[in-house]
């Protein structure tokens, strides 16, 4: 079997949008003044992402009017520790990858 040719796909880096941005786009999608495709082109976000934000907004809209719930600090701390662990692993992985490809600036 001949070796597979490498396929080079141009991937955009993963973007983390602010909650305010997501809410703005989802609200515009709910208004219906523009189509999802038009909004996706305007904000440079995939149409499926806008649909997902719209769905999340509708699912959690009732929470805004719910009881005043204080967030449990221990659950927030657990989430933050998990995020720190994830970011540390990603950082170590990427540093190792840079070392393997010969970028000496990645060495500590």
Protein backbone atom coordinates (compact mmCIF):
# COMPACT_ATOMS: atom_id res chain seq x y z
CA UNK A 1 0.00 0.00 0.00
CA UNK A 2 1.52 3.38 -0.97
CA UNK A 3 2.15 5.84 1.87
CA UNK A 4 -0.54 8.40 2.44
CA UNK A 5 0.24 11.86 1.29
CA UNK A 6 0.16 14.45 4.02
CA UNK A 7 -2.77 16.74 3.80
CA UNK A 8 -2.18 20.25 4.98
CA UNK A 9 -5.37 21.85 6.07
CA UNK A 10 -5.42 25.49 6.92
CA UNK A 11 -6.96 25.70 10.38
CA UNK A 12 -7.81 28.91 12.12
CA UNK A 13 -6.78 29.05 15.75
CA UNK A 14 -9.53 28.31 18.22
CA UNK A 15 -11.19 31.51 19.38
CA UNK A 16 -12.82 32.02 22.74
CA UNK A 17 -15.58 34.56 22.45
CA UNK A 18 -16.64 36.71 25.38
CA UNK A 19 -20.03 35.93 26.89
CA UNK A 20 -21.25 39.43 25.96
CA UNK A 21 -20.36 38.78 22.31
CA UNK A 22 -22.17 35.44 22.33
CA UNK A 23 -25.25 37.03 23.88
CA UNK A 24 -25.23 39.85 21.33
CA UNK A 25 -25.02 37.46 18.37
CA UNK A 26 -27.61 35.06 19.85
CA UNK A 27 -30.05 37.92 20.50
CA UNK A 28 -29.64 39.18 16.95
CA UNK A 29 -30.32 35.65 15.71
CA UNK A 30 -33.48 35.50 17.83
CA UNK A 31 -34.71 38.84 16.50
CA UNK A 32 -34.68 37.41 13.00
CA UNK A 33 -33.78 40.67 11.25
CA UNK A 34 -30.93 38.83 9.52
CA UNK A 35 -30.46 35.19 8.59
CA UNK A 36 -28.00 32.99 10.46
CA UNK A 37 -25.77 33.00 7.37
CA UNK A 38 -25.77 36.79 7.23
CA UNK A 39 -24.89 36.98 10.93
CA UNK A 40 -22.16 34.39 10.47
CA UNK A 41 -20.59 36.44 7.70
CA UNK A 42 -20.96 39.67 9.66
CA UNK A 43 -19.35 38.31 12.84
CA UNK A 44 -17.07 35.73 11.15
CA UNK A 45 -18.50 32.87 13.17
CA UNK A 46 -19.69 29.52 11.82
CA UNK A 47 -23.49 29.33 11.42
CA UNK A 48 -23.61 26.20 13.60
CA UNK A 49 -21.94 28.16 16.40
CA UNK A 50 -24.58 30.88 16.21
CA UNK A 51 -27.32 28.24 16.28
CA UNK A 52 -25.73 26.69 19.37
CA UNK A 53 -25.48 30.05 21.18
CA UNK A 54 -29.10 30.78 20.31
CA UNK A 55 -30.13 27.38 21.71
CA UNK A 56 -28.13 27.98 24.91
CA UNK A 57 -29.68 31.41 25.35
CA UNK A 58 -33.18 30.00 25.05
CA UNK A 59 -32.43 27.11 27.43
CA UNK A 60 -30.96 29.35 30.14
CA UNK A 61 -33.11 32.46 29.79
CA UNK A 62 -35.38 31.37 32.66
CA UNK A 63 -32.34 31.21 34.98
CA UNK A 64 -32.09 34.99 34.86
CA UNK A 65 -35.44 35.31 36.59
CA UNK A 66 -34.89 32.42 38.98
CA UNK A 67 -34.06 32.56 42.65
CA UNK A 68 -30.93 34.40 43.71
CA UNK A 69 -28.50 31.55 43.86
CA UNK A 70 -25.07 32.15 45.21
CA UNK A 71 -22.43 30.18 43.39
CA UNK A 72 -20.81 27.56 45.56
CA UNK A 73 -17.19 28.72 45.93
CA UNK A 74 -15.89 25.16 46.15
CA UNK A 75 -17.35 24.26 42.75
CA UNK A 76 -15.85 27.40 41.22
CA UNK A 77 -12.48 26.54 42.74
CA UNK A 78 -12.70 23.00 41.34
CA UNK A 79 -13.48 24.36 37.88
CA UNK A 80 -10.57 26.79 38.09
CA UNK A 81 -8.17 24.06 39.23
CA UNK A 82 -9.31 21.88 36.33
CA UNK A 83 -8.74 24.76 33.89
CA UNK A 84 -5.27 25.40 35.35
CA UNK A 85 -4.44 21.71 34.93
CA UNK A 86 -5.66 21.71 31.34
CA UNK A 87 -3.71 24.84 30.45
CA UNK A 88 -0.57 23.48 32.13
CA UNK A 89 -0.80 20.27 30.12
CA UNK A 90 -1.33 22.21 26.89
CA UNK A 91 1.61 24.47 27.70
CA UNK A 92 3.89 21.50 28.43
CA UNK A 93 2.77 19.73 25.26
CA UNK A 94 3.34 22.77 23.07
CA UNK A 95 6.72 23.50 24.67
CA UNK A 96 7.76 19.92 23.98
CA UNK A 97 6.58 20.18 20.39
CA UNK A 98 8.60 23.35 19.86
CA UNK A 99 11.70 21.68 21.29
CA UNK A 100 11.20 18.70 18.97
CA UNK A 101 11.02 20.92 15.90
CA UNK A 102 14.13 22.78 16.97
CA UNK A 103 12.87 26.06 18.39
CA UNK A 104 15.38 26.71 21.15
CA UNK A 105 13.41 29.64 22.56
CA UNK A 106 10.89 27.14 23.95
CA UNK A 107 13.45 25.59 26.30
CA UNK A 108 13.26 26.82 29.85
